[in-house]
Amino acid sequence: MARADAVVLIAFGGPERPEDVRPFLDDVLRGRPVPRERYEEVVHHYELIGGRSPLNELTFRQADGLRAALAARGTPLPVYVGMRNWSPYLADVLARMADDGVRHALGLILAPHRTEASRERYTAAVEAGRQALGARAPAIAYTGSWFDHPLFVETMAVRTRAALAALGEGAPPHLVFTAHSIPTAMPDAERYVREYQTTGRLVAAAVGDPPHTFAYQSRSGSPRDPWLEPDVCDVIRALAARGVTRVALVPIGFVCDHVEVLYDLDVEARQAAEASDVRLARAETANDHPLFVRMLAEIVGAALGEP
């Protein structure tokens, strides 16, 4: 059972204005050698989705909802938001928490499926921020896994039903679940796949168990290194070759809209579908859906030992 004076939601972060895009990418890459052509491609992706990411705004809306839900449960706690790769940076948020007198906080990482990239890099950023504060740093305990939490499953089932309805009448639809690809050699890759597919199977079962496929998206890095496959665009083309004409994309690996949803799915994957004569609907991510916010409150309550 954790002890907490506050909660901190922990997320990746994203640029909030067009002038933030290049500094944000520089921060994410942190000197890693990326071909300039690829860098400029990603800048263009942001231009095509309006020059910003809605991730920060949506995360703050999740925090507002969580704060209200905790108060309604009789556990009023301040809820902070800290980003690993953009403002408000985790180190700055931890310093503000210390200034506010927070001594013990509960950290909730907003990534449903665990791997080094979705957990250890975040906890390392938190620890670096704590080390910089010394003795006044708040102690941070973390919530448990929630990839199979009934309220997360139902949130995504609601989103999936809406996408299926948007397809209209016609041939039987096919669900394509997506999550971020990672290198196959990354620690916990097998666990990541297992958790991702568990979520997908639970969501599929909740909407009547239509045919479904697991795909990956947004891979980066050297093309020589093996990453999790198949790519979502390849899956759409393969389904079309089998005669599938209606596809609902369900990005269960992401809990907020951002460039990897708004460009990689809404632009690239849609182009692949149109070229293959496939009617495509994309399910919304969880964002600040009331069921998802309720889940966050239940996770916090469970970590605090509430009944």
C-alpha atoms as a PDB file:
ATOM      1  CA  MET A   1       0.000   0.000   0.000  1.00  0.00           C
ATOM      2  CA  ALA A   2       1.440   3.336  -1.102  1.00  0.00           C
ATOM      3  CA  ARG A   3       1.460   6.544   0.910  1.00  0.00           C
ATOM      4  CA  ALA A   4       0.740   9.665  -1.116  1.00  0.00           C
ATOM      5  CA  ASP A   5       0.217  13.397  -0.671  1.00  0.00           C
ATOM      6  CA  ALA A   6      -0.283  13.798  -4.442  1.00  0.00           C
ATOM      7  CA  VAL A   7      -0.489  12.034  -7.795  1.00  0.00           C
ATOM      8  CA  VAL A   8       1.684  12.749 -10.815  1.00  0.00           C
ATOM      9  CA  LEU A   9       0.609  11.670 -14.288  1.00  0.00           C
ATOM     10  CA  ILE A  10       3.684  10.878 -16.371  1.00  0.00           C
ATOM     11  CA  ALA A  11       3.644  11.141 -20.161  1.00  0.00           C
ATOM     12  CA  PHE A  12       5.904  11.580 -23.185  1.00  0.00           C
ATOM     13  CA  GLY A  13       5.106  15.201 -24.001  1.00  0.00           C
ATOM     14  CA  GLY A  14       4.659  16.967 -27.315  1.00  0.00           C
ATOM     15  CA  PRO A  15       5.064  20.341 -29.039  1.00  0.00           C
ATOM     16  CA  GLU A  16       2.198  22.738 -28.387  1.00  0.00           C
ATOM     17  CA  ARG A  17       2.991  25.325 -31.102  1.00  0.00           C
ATOM     18  CA  PRO A  18       4.611  25.154 -34.553  1.00  0.00           C
ATOM     19  CA  GLU A  19       7.723  26.895 -33.183  1.00  0.00           C
ATOM     20  CA  ASP A  20       8.067  24.098 -30.595  1.00  0.00           C
ATOM     21  CA  VAL A  21       8.379  21.287 -33.143  1.00  0.00           C
ATOM     22  CA  ARG A  22      12.098  21.459 -33.905  1.00  0.00           C
ATOM     23  CA  PRO A  23      13.183  22.046 -30.281  1.00  0.00           C
ATOM     24  CA  PHE A  24      10.945  19.145 -29.262  1.00  0.00           C
ATOM     25  CA  LEU A  25      12.494  16.814 -31.848  1.00  0.00           C
ATOM     26  CA  ASP A  26      15.974  17.916 -30.788  1.00  0.00           C
ATOM     27  CA  ASP A  27      15.059  17.073 -27.199  1.00  0.00           C
ATOM     28  CA  VAL A  28      13.671  13.647 -28.123  1.00  0.00           C
ATOM     29  CA  LEU A  29      16.664  12.761 -30.290  1.00  0.00           C
ATOM     30  CA  ARG A  30      19.250  14.182 -27.853  1.00  0.00           C
ATOM     31  CA  GLY A  31      22.112  14.030 -30.331  1.00  0.00           C
ATOM     32  CA  ARG A  32      21.261  10.642 -31.815  1.00  0.00           C
ATOM     33  CA  PRO A  33      22.336  10.521 -35.464  1.00  0.00           C
ATOM     34  CA  VAL A  34      19.176  10.838 -37.549  1.00  0.00           C
ATOM     35  CA  PRO A  35      19.422  11.605 -41.269  1.00  0.00           C
ATOM     36  CA  ARG A  36      18.416  15.198 -41.930  1.00  0.00           C
ATOM     37  CA  GLU A  37      15.935  14.036 -44.550  1.00  0.00           C
ATOM     38  CA  ARG A  38      14.094  11.940 -41.951  1.00  0.00           C
ATOM     39  CA  TYR A  39      14.146  14.824 -39.452  1.00  0.00           C
ATOM     40  CA  GLU A  40      12.529  17.149 -41.985  1.00  0.00           C
ATOM     41  CA  GLU A  41       9.934  14.487 -42.865  1.00  0.00           C
ATOM     42  CA  VAL A  42       8.791  14.413 -39.254  1.00  0.00           C
ATOM     43  CA  VAL A  43       8.660  18.216 -39.142  1.00  0.00           C
ATOM     44  CA  HIS A  44       6.381  18.015 -42.188  1.00  0.00           C
ATOM     45  CA  HIS A  45       4.201  15.425 -40.451  1.00  0.00           C
ATOM     46  CA  TYR A  46       3.563  17.970 -37.717  1.00  0.00           C
ATOM     47  CA  GLU A  47       2.788  20.621 -40.316  1.00  0.00           C
ATOM     48  CA  LEU A  48       0.135  18.328 -41.816  1.00  0.00           C
ATOM     49  CA  ILE A  49      -1.616  17.855 -38.458  1.00  0.00           C
ATOM     50  CA  GLY A  50      -1.670  21.567 -37.607  1.00  0.00           C
ATOM     51  CA  GLY A  51       1.858  22.178 -36.336  1.00  0.00           C
ATOM     52  CA  ARG A  52       1.278  20.874 -32.814  1.00  0.00           C
ATOM     53  CA  SER A  53       0.441  17.820 -30.751  1.00  0.00           C
ATOM     54  CA  PRO A  54      -2.717  17.661 -28.609  1.00  0.00           C
ATOM     55  CA  LEU A  55      -1.025  15.247 -26.184  1.00  0.00           C
ATOM     56  CA  ASN A  56      -0.195  17.816 -23.495  1.00  0.00           C
ATOM     57  CA  GLU A  57      -3.665  19.375 -23.556  1.00  0.00           C
ATOM     58  CA  LEU A  58      -5.320  15.948 -23.366  1.00  0.00           C
ATOM     59  CA  THR A  59      -3.076  14.836 -20.512  1.00  0.00           C
ATOM     60  CA  PHE A  60      -4.022  17.916 -18.505  1.00  0.00           C
ATOM     61  CA  ARG A  61      -7.672  17.138 -19.193  1.00  0.00           C
ATOM     62  CA  GLN A  62      -7.077  13.623 -17.872  1.00  0.00           C
ATOM     63  CA  ALA A  63      -5.487  15.173 -14.778  1.00  0.00           C
ATOM     64  CA  ASP A  64      -8.453  17.515 -14.280  1.00  0.00           C
ATOM     65  CA  GLY A  65     -10.823  14.575 -14.549  1.00  0.00           C
ATOM     66  CA  LEU A  66      -8.769  12.483 -12.158  1.00  0.00           C
ATOM     67  CA  ARG A  67      -8.636  15.302  -9.607  1.00  0.00           C
ATOM     68  CA  ALA A  68     -12.438  15.585  -9.670  1.00  0.00           C
ATOM     69  CA  ALA A  69     -12.904  11.802  -9.535  1.00  0.00           C
ATOM     70  CA  LEU A  70     -10.611  11.457  -6.527  1.00  0.00           C
ATOM     71  CA  ALA A  71     -12.484  14.221  -4.714  1.00  0.00           C
ATOM     72  CA  ALA A  72     -15.778  12.473  -5.458  1.00  0.00           C
ATOM     73  CA  ARG A  73     -14.327   9.258  -3.969  1.00  0.00           C
ATOM     74  CA  GLY A  74     -13.431  11.097  -0.780  1.00  0.00           C
ATOM     75  CA  THR A  75      -9.696  11.102  -1.567  1.00  0.00           C
ATOM     76  CA  PRO A  76      -8.944  14.688  -2.588  1.00  0.00           C
ATOM     77  CA  LEU A  77      -5.358  14.834  -3.788  1.00  0.00           C
ATOM     78  CA  PRO A  78      -3.478  17.309  -5.971  1.00  0.00           C
ATOM     79  CA  VAL A  79      -2.732  15.888  -9.413  1.00  0.00           C
ATOM     80  CA  TYR A  80       0.396  17.056 -11.248  1.00  0.00           C
ATOM     81  CA  VAL A  81       1.461  16.383 -14.844  1.00  0.00           C
ATOM     82  CA  GLY A  82       5.083  15.726 -15.777  1.00  0.00           C
ATOM     83  CA  MET A  83       6.500  15.098 -19.258  1.00  0.00           C
ATOM     84  CA  ARG A  84       9.673  13.259 -20.152  1.00  0.00           C
ATOM     85  CA  ASN A  85      10.392  15.128 -23.375  1.00  0.00           C
ATOM     86  CA  TRP A  86       8.712  18.530 -23.155  1.00  0.00           C
ATOM     87  CA  SER A  87       7.408  21.131 -20.779  1.00  0.00           C
ATOM     88  CA  PRO A  88       6.333  20.672 -18.056  1.00  0.00           C
ATOM     89  CA  TYR A  89       9.445  18.526 -17.645  1.00  0.00           C
ATOM     90  CA  LEU A  90       9.405  15.943 -14.906  1.00  0.00           C
ATOM     91  CA  ALA A  91      12.363  17.549 -13.110  1.00  0.00           C
ATOM     92  CA  ASP A  92      10.579  20.917 -12.976  1.00  0.00           C
ATOM     93  CA  VAL A  93       7.339  19.329 -11.802  1.00  0.00           C
ATOM     94  CA  LEU A  94       9.117  17.425  -9.039  1.00  0.00           C
ATOM     95  CA  ALA A  95      10.707  20.682  -7.879  1.00  0.00           C
ATOM     96  CA  ARG A  96       7.293  22.340  -7.806  1.00  0.00           C
ATOM     97  CA  MET A  97       5.885  19.409  -5.862  1.00  0.00           C
ATOM     98  CA  ALA A  98       8.708  19.773  -3.334  1.00  0.00           C
ATOM     99  CA  ASP A  99       7.997  23.516  -3.053  1.00  0.00           C
ATOM    100  CA  ASP A 100       4.336  22.658  -2.436  1.00  0.00           C
ATOM    101  CA  GLY A 101       5.310  20.403   0.449  1.00  0.00           C
ATOM    102  CA  VAL A 102       4.659  17.054  -1.243  1.00  0.00           C
ATOM    103  CA  ARG A 103       6.730  14.359   0.462  1.00  0.00           C
ATOM    104  CA  HIS A 104       5.186  11.193  -0.989  1.00  0.00           C
ATOM    105  CA  ALA A 105       3.565  10.923  -4.411  1.00  0.00           C
ATOM    106  CA  LEU A 106       2.035   8.237  -6.558  1.00  0.00           C
ATOM    107  CA  GLY A 107       3.335   8.083 -10.127  1.00  0.00           C
ATOM    108  CA  LEU A 108       1.017   6.867 -12.890  1.00  0.00           C
ATOM    109  CA  ILE A 109       2.738   6.304 -16.231  1.00  0.00           C
ATOM    110  CA  LEU A 110       0.303   6.805 -19.097  1.00  0.00           C
ATOM    111  CA  ALA A 111       1.401   3.840 -21.195  1.00  0.00           C
ATOM    112  CA  PRO A 112      -0.687   0.668 -21.045  1.00  0.00           C
ATOM    113  CA  HIS A 113       1.868  -1.901 -22.192  1.00  0.00           C
ATOM    114  CA  ARG A 114       5.183  -2.240 -20.444  1.00  0.00           C
ATOM    115  CA  THR A 115       8.578  -2.157 -22.060  1.00  0.00           C
ATOM    116  CA  GLU A 116      11.824  -0.327 -21.395  1.00  0.00           C
ATOM    117  CA  ALA A 117      10.674   2.580 -23.572  1.00  0.00           C
ATOM    118  CA  SER A 118       7.309   2.883 -21.815  1.00  0.00           C
ATOM    119  CA  ARG A 119       8.392   2.467 -18.206  1.00  0.00           C
ATOM    120  CA  GLU A 120      12.091   2.346 -17.336  1.00  0.00           C
ATOM    121  CA  ARG A 121      12.948   5.477 -19.326  1.00  0.00           C
ATOM    122  CA  TYR A 122      10.224   7.341 -17.459  1.00  0.00           C
ATOM    123  CA  THR A 123      11.238   6.103 -14.032  1.00  0.00           C
ATOM    124  CA  ALA A 124      14.858   6.989 -14.859  1.00  0.00           C
ATOM    125  CA  ALA A 125      13.778  10.553 -15.717  1.00  0.00           C
ATOM    126  CA  VAL A 126      11.899  10.777 -12.431  1.00  0.00           C
ATOM    127  CA  GLU A 127      14.895   9.507 -10.499  1.00  0.00           C
ATOM    128  CA  ALA A 128      17.209  12.017 -12.205  1.00  0.00           C
ATOM    129  CA  GLY A 129      14.840  14.803 -11.168  1.00  0.00           C
ATOM    130  CA  ARG A 130      14.743  13.492  -7.605  1.00  0.00           C
ATOM    131  CA  GLN A 131      18.527  13.264  -7.405  1.00  0.00           C
ATOM    132  CA  ALA A 132      18.804  16.908  -8.461  1.00  0.00           C
ATOM    133  CA  LEU A 133      16.545  17.917  -5.545  1.00  0.00           C
ATOM    134  CA  GLY A 134      18.444  15.991  -2.914  1.00  0.00           C
ATOM    135  CA  ALA A 135      16.827  15.499   0.488  1.00  0.00           C
ATOM    136  CA  ARG A 136      13.723  17.524  -0.318  1.00  0.00           C
ATOM    137  CA  ALA A 137      12.751  15.322  -3.262  1.00  0.00           C
ATOM    138  CA  PRO A 138       9.339  13.649  -2.970  1.00  0.00           C
ATOM    139  CA  ALA A 139       9.410   9.866  -2.728  1.00  0.00           C
ATOM    140  CA  ILE A 140       7.631   8.318  -5.727  1.00  0.00           C
ATOM    141  CA  ALA A 141       5.761   5.002  -5.701  1.00  0.00           C
ATOM    142  CA  TYR A 142       4.275   3.690  -8.938  1.00  0.00           C
ATOM    143  CA  THR A 143       0.903   2.183  -9.751  1.00  0.00           C
ATOM    144  CA  GLY A 144       0.628  -1.330 -11.114  1.00  0.00           C
ATOM    145  CA  SER A 145      -0.214  -2.518 -14.622  1.00  0.00           C
ATOM    146  CA  TRP A 146      -3.584  -1.657 -16.141  1.00  0.00           C
ATOM    147  CA  PHE A 147      -3.452  -3.111 -19.663  1.00  0.00           C
ATOM    148  CA  ASP A 148      -6.274  -5.506 -18.774  1.00  0.00           C
ATOM    149  CA  HIS A 149      -8.234  -3.243 -16.417  1.00  0.00           C
ATOM    150  CA  PRO A 150     -11.957  -3.665 -17.182  1.00  0.00           C
ATOM    151  CA  LEU A 151     -12.479   0.083 -17.497  1.00  0.00           C
ATOM    152  CA  PHE A 152      -9.615   0.466 -19.977  1.00  0.00           C
ATOM    153  CA  VAL A 153     -11.040  -2.421 -21.977  1.00  0.00           C
ATOM    154  CA  GLU A 154     -14.533  -0.891 -21.895  1.00  0.00           C
ATOM    155  CA  THR A 155     -13.192   2.553 -22.853  1.00  0.00           C
ATOM    156  CA  MET A 156     -11.596   1.080 -25.950  1.00  0.00           C
ATOM    157  CA  ALA A 157     -14.648  -1.062 -26.633  1.00  0.00           C
ATOM    158  CA  VAL A 158     -16.764   2.124 -26.679  1.00  0.00           C
ATOM    159  CA  ARG A 159     -14.279   3.720 -29.064  1.00  0.00           C
ATOM    160  CA  THR A 160     -14.250   0.587 -31.245  1.00  0.00           C
ATOM    161  CA  ARG A 161     -18.056   0.394 -31.457  1.00  0.00           C
ATOM    162  CA  ALA A 162     -18.106   4.008 -32.637  1.00  0.00           C
ATOM    163  CA  ALA A 163     -15.546   3.226 -35.362  1.00  0.00           C
ATOM    164  CA  LEU A 164     -17.541   0.187 -36.485  1.00  0.00           C
ATOM    165  CA  ALA A 165     -20.690   2.299 -36.640  1.00  0.00           C
ATOM    166  CA  ALA A 166     -18.843   4.882 -38.739  1.00  0.00           C
ATOM    167  CA  LEU A 167     -18.109   2.203 -41.340  1.00  0.00           C
ATOM    168  CA  GLY A 168     -21.822   1.932 -42.050  1.00  0.00           C
ATOM    169  CA  GLU A 169     -23.508  -1.051 -43.654  1.00  0.00           C
ATOM    170  CA  GLY A 170     -21.620  -3.469 -45.824  1.00  0.00           C
ATOM    171  CA  ALA A 171     -19.339  -6.478 -45.791  1.00  0.00           C
ATOM    172  CA  PRO A 172     -18.189  -7.817 -42.388  1.00  0.00           C
ATOM    173  CA  PRO A 173     -15.632  -5.451 -40.844  1.00  0.00           C
ATOM    174  CA  HIS A 174     -12.144  -6.387 -39.712  1.00  0.00           C
ATOM    175  CA  LEU A 175     -10.481  -4.871 -36.646  1.00  0.00           C
ATOM    176  CA  VAL A 176      -6.812  -3.933 -36.841  1.00  0.00           C
ATOM    177  CA  PHE A 177      -5.290  -3.197 -33.452  1.00  0.00           C
ATOM    178  CA  THR A 178      -2.140  -1.089 -33.408  1.00  0.00           C
ATOM    179  CA  ALA A 179       0.650  -0.334 -30.963  1.00  0.00           C
ATOM    180  CA  HIS A 180       4.042   1.313 -31.309  1.00  0.00           C
ATOM    181  CA  SER A 181       6.655  -0.986 -32.806  1.00  0.00           C
ATOM    182  CA  ILE A 182       9.815  -1.537 -30.778  1.00  0.00           C
ATOM    183  CA  PRO A 183      13.102  -3.341 -31.524  1.00  0.00           C
ATOM    184  CA  THR A 184      12.700  -7.083 -31.061  1.00  0.00           C
ATOM    185  CA  ALA A 185      15.901  -7.064 -28.983  1.00  0.00           C
ATOM    186  CA  MET A 186      14.527  -4.520 -26.493  1.00  0.00           C
ATOM    187  CA  PRO A 187      14.199  -5.894 -22.949  1.00  0.00           C
ATOM    188  CA  ASP A 188      10.622  -6.960 -22.142  1.00  0.00           C
ATOM    189  CA  ALA A 189       9.642  -7.117 -25.838  1.00  0.00           C
ATOM    190  CA  GLU A 190       7.873 -10.438 -25.288  1.00  0.00           C
ATOM    191  CA  ARG A 191       5.986  -9.042 -22.308  1.00  0.00           C
ATOM    192  CA  TYR A 192       5.020  -5.985 -24.350  1.00  0.00           C
ATOM    193  CA  VAL A 193       3.561  -8.151 -27.108  1.00  0.00           C
ATOM    194  CA  ARG A 194       1.749 -10.357 -24.614  1.00  0.00           C
ATOM    195  CA  GLU A 195       0.154  -7.405 -22.810  1.00  0.00           C
ATOM    196  CA  TYR A 196      -0.770  -5.664 -26.066  1.00  0.00           C
ATOM    197  CA  GLN A 197      -2.429  -8.751 -27.489  1.00  0.00           C
ATOM    198  CA  THR A 198      -4.249  -9.406 -24.222  1.00  0.00           C
ATOM    199  CA  THR A 199      -5.794  -5.930 -24.367  1.00  0.00           C
ATOM    200  CA  GLY A 200      -6.777  -6.462 -27.990  1.00  0.00           C
ATOM    201  CA  ARG A 201      -8.405  -9.828 -27.370  1.00  0.00           C
ATOM    202  CA  LEU A 202     -10.393  -8.408 -24.454  1.00  0.00           C
ATOM    203  CA  VAL A 203     -11.586  -5.442 -26.532  1.00  0.00           C
ATOM    204  CA  ALA A 204     -12.473  -7.699 -29.452  1.00  0.00           C
ATOM    205  CA  ALA A 205     -14.469  -9.964 -27.151  1.00  0.00           C
ATOM    206  CA  ALA A 206     -16.316  -6.945 -25.741  1.00  0.00           C
ATOM    207  CA  VAL A 207     -17.530  -5.908 -29.221  1.00  0.00           C
ATOM    208  CA  GLY A 208     -18.641  -9.352 -30.380  1.00  0.00           C
ATOM    209  CA  ASP A 209     -15.291 -10.875 -31.352  1.00  0.00           C
ATOM    210  CA  PRO A 210     -15.130  -9.853 -35.026  1.00  0.00           C
ATOM    211  CA  PRO A 211     -12.098 -10.916 -37.094  1.00  0.00           C
ATOM    212  CA  HIS A 212      -9.067  -9.004 -35.872  1.00  0.00           C
ATOM    213  CA  THR A 213      -5.373  -8.599 -36.558  1.00  0.00           C
ATOM    214  CA  PHE A 214      -2.503  -7.164 -34.489  1.00  0.00           C
ATOM    215  CA  ALA A 215      -0.275  -4.652 -36.256  1.00  0.00           C
ATOM    216  CA  TYR A 216       2.519  -2.272 -35.324  1.00  0.00           C
ATOM    217  CA  GLN A 217       3.253   1.275 -36.388  1.00  0.00           C
ATOM    218  CA  SER A 218       5.613   4.232 -36.132  1.00  0.00           C
ATOM    219  CA  ARG A 219       8.865   2.280 -36.199  1.00  0.00           C
ATOM    220  CA  SER A 220      12.060   4.315 -36.331  1.00  0.00           C
ATOM    221  CA  GLY A 221      15.759   3.612 -36.017  1.00  0.00           C
ATOM    222  CA  SER A 222      18.041   1.803 -38.421  1.00  0.00           C
ATOM    223  CA  PRO A 223      16.242  -0.234 -41.107  1.00  0.00           C
ATOM    224  CA  ARG A 224      18.863  -2.939 -40.491  1.00  0.00           C
ATOM    225  CA  ASP A 225      17.555  -3.619 -36.983  1.00  0.00           C
ATOM    226  CA  PRO A 226      14.559  -5.949 -36.609  1.00  0.00           C
ATOM    227  CA  TRP A 227      11.459  -4.350 -35.097  1.00  0.00           C
ATOM    228  CA  LEU A 228       8.085  -5.836 -34.258  1.00  0.00           C
ATOM    229  CA  GLU A 229       5.953  -6.480 -37.334  1.00  0.00           C
ATOM    230  CA  PRO A 230       3.696  -6.477 -39.329  1.00  0.00           C
ATOM    231  CA  ASP A 231       3.385  -2.793 -40.144  1.00  0.00           C
ATOM    232  CA  VAL A 232      -0.162  -1.463 -40.134  1.00  0.00           C
ATOM    233  CA  CYS A 233      -0.034  -0.321 -43.751  1.00  0.00           C
ATOM    234  CA  ASP A 234       1.168  -3.755 -44.864  1.00  0.00           C
ATOM    235  CA  VAL A 235      -1.690  -5.330 -42.901  1.00  0.00           C
ATOM    236  CA  ILE A 236      -4.263  -3.116 -44.639  1.00  0.00           C
ATOM    237  CA  ARG A 237      -2.871  -4.056 -48.051  1.00  0.00           C
ATOM    238  CA  ALA A 238      -2.808  -7.763 -47.147  1.00  0.00           C
ATOM    239  CA  LEU A 239      -6.414  -7.646 -45.929  1.00  0.00           C
ATOM    240  CA  ALA A 240      -7.455  -5.951 -49.166  1.00  0.00           C
ATOM    241  CA  ALA A 241      -5.757  -8.731 -51.141  1.00  0.00           C
ATOM    242  CA  ARG A 242      -7.925 -11.197 -49.185  1.00  0.00           C
ATOM    243  CA  GLY A 243     -11.079  -9.332 -50.146  1.00  0.00           C
ATOM    244  CA  VAL A 244     -11.604  -7.321 -46.935  1.00  0.00           C
ATOM    245  CA  THR A 245     -13.232  -3.989 -47.782  1.00  0.00           C
ATOM    246  CA  ARG A 246     -13.962  -2.453 -44.351  1.00  0.00           C
ATOM    247  CA  VAL A 247     -11.382  -1.960 -41.596  1.00  0.00           C
ATOM    248  CA  ALA A 248     -11.608  -0.342 -38.164  1.00  0.00           C
ATOM    249  CA  LEU A 249      -8.229   0.749 -36.829  1.00  0.00           C
ATOM    250  CA  VAL A 250      -8.013   0.601 -33.034  1.00  0.00           C
ATOM    251  CA  PRO A 251      -4.853   2.222 -31.544  1.00  0.00           C
ATOM    252  CA  ILE A 252      -4.917   0.495 -28.144  1.00  0.00           C
ATOM    253  CA  GLY A 253      -1.213   1.127 -27.578  1.00  0.00           C
ATOM    254  CA  PHE A 254      -1.804   4.876 -27.168  1.00  0.00           C
ATOM    255  CA  VAL A 255      -3.951   6.718 -24.632  1.00  0.00           C
ATOM    256  CA  CYS A 256      -3.860  10.198 -26.220  1.00  0.00           C
ATOM    257  CA  ASP A 257      -4.007  11.529 -29.751  1.00  0.00           C
ATOM    258  CA  HIS A 258      -0.610  12.727 -30.966  1.00  0.00           C
ATOM    259  CA  VAL A 259       1.457  12.681 -34.165  1.00  0.00           C
ATOM    260  CA  GLU A 260       1.762   8.893 -34.275  1.00  0.00           C
ATOM    261  CA  VAL A 261      -2.026   8.639 -34.366  1.00  0.00           C
ATOM    262  CA  LEU A 262      -2.948  11.795 -36.256  1.00  0.00           C
ATOM    263  CA  TYR A 263      -0.303  11.343 -38.968  1.00  0.00           C
ATOM    264  CA  ASP A 264       0.776   7.702 -38.999  1.00  0.00           C
ATOM    265  CA  LEU A 265      -2.809   6.429 -38.921  1.00  0.00           C
ATOM    266  CA  ASP A 266      -5.010   9.277 -40.120  1.00  0.00           C
ATOM    267  CA  VAL A 267      -2.723  10.145 -43.046  1.00  0.00           C
ATOM    268  CA  GLU A 268      -0.378   7.255 -43.915  1.00  0.00           C
ATOM    269  CA  ALA A 269      -2.642   4.336 -43.047  1.00  0.00           C
ATOM    270  CA  ARG A 270      -5.636   6.069 -44.619  1.00  0.00           C
ATOM    271  CA  GLN A 271      -3.667   6.581 -47.837  1.00  0.00           C
ATOM    272  CA  ALA A 272      -2.810   2.862 -47.849  1.00  0.00           C
ATOM    273  CA  ALA A 273      -6.498   2.027 -47.360  1.00  0.00           C
ATOM    274  CA  GLU A 274      -7.673   4.359 -50.123  1.00  0.00           C
ATOM    275  CA  ALA A 275      -5.101   2.944 -52.536  1.00  0.00           C
ATOM    276  CA  SER A 276      -6.440  -0.544 -51.739  1.00  0.00           C
ATOM    277  CA  ASP A 277     -10.146   0.372 -51.978  1.00  0.00           C
ATOM    278  CA  VAL A 278     -10.631  -0.287 -48.275  1.00  0.00           C
ATOM    279  CA  ARG A 279     -13.122   1.772 -46.268  1.00  0.00           C
ATOM    280  CA  LEU A 280     -11.324   2.808 -43.076  1.00  0.00           C
ATOM    281  CA  ALA A 281     -12.511   4.162 -39.735  1.00  0.00           C
ATOM    282  CA  ARG A 282     -10.128   4.926 -36.893  1.00  0.00           C
ATOM    283  CA  ALA A 283     -11.225   4.483 -33.288  1.00  0.00           C
ATOM    284  CA  GLU A 284     -10.406   7.361 -30.979  1.00  0.00           C
ATOM    285  CA  THR A 285      -7.774   6.836 -28.335  1.00  0.00           C
ATOM    286  CA  ALA A 286      -8.874   6.861 -24.703  1.00  0.00           C
ATOM    287  CA  ASN A 287      -8.129  10.596 -24.297  1.00  0.00           C
ATOM    288  CA  ASP A 288     -10.271  11.924 -21.422  1.00  0.00           C
ATOM    289  CA  HIS A 289     -13.215   9.558 -21.840  1.00  0.00           C
ATOM    290  CA  PRO A 290     -15.095   9.371 -18.499  1.00  0.00           C
ATOM    291  CA  LEU A 291     -14.563   5.600 -18.237  1.00  0.00           C
ATOM    292  CA  PHE A 292     -10.817   6.049 -18.655  1.00  0.00           C
ATOM    293  CA  VAL A 293     -10.724   8.817 -16.051  1.00  0.00           C
ATOM    294  CA  ARG A 294     -12.687   6.556 -13.708  1.00  0.00           C
ATOM    295  CA  MET A 295     -10.106   3.860 -14.305  1.00  0.00           C
ATOM    296  CA  LEU A 296      -7.296   6.243 -13.336  1.00  0.00           C
ATOM    297  CA  ALA A 297      -9.111   6.987 -10.077  1.00  0.00           C
ATOM    298  CA  GLU A 298      -9.589   3.275  -9.367  1.00  0.00           C
ATOM    299  CA  ILE A 299      -5.898   2.601 -10.019  1.00  0.00           C
ATOM    300  CA  VAL A 300      -4.919   5.360  -7.592  1.00  0.00           C
ATOM    301  CA  GLY A 301      -7.401   4.081  -5.027  1.00  0.00           C
ATOM    302  CA  ALA A 302      -6.066   0.534  -5.319  1.00  0.00           C
ATOM    303  CA  ALA A 303      -2.476   1.738  -4.874  1.00  0.00           C
ATOM    304  CA  LEU A 304      -3.538   3.620  -1.745  1.00  0.00           C
ATOM    305  CA  GLY A 305      -5.185   0.484  -0.360  1.00  0.00           C
ATOM    306  CA  GLU A 306      -8.720   1.767  -0.649  1.00  0.00           C
ATOM    307  CA  PRO A 307     -11.507  -0.867  -0.764  1.00  0.00           C
END
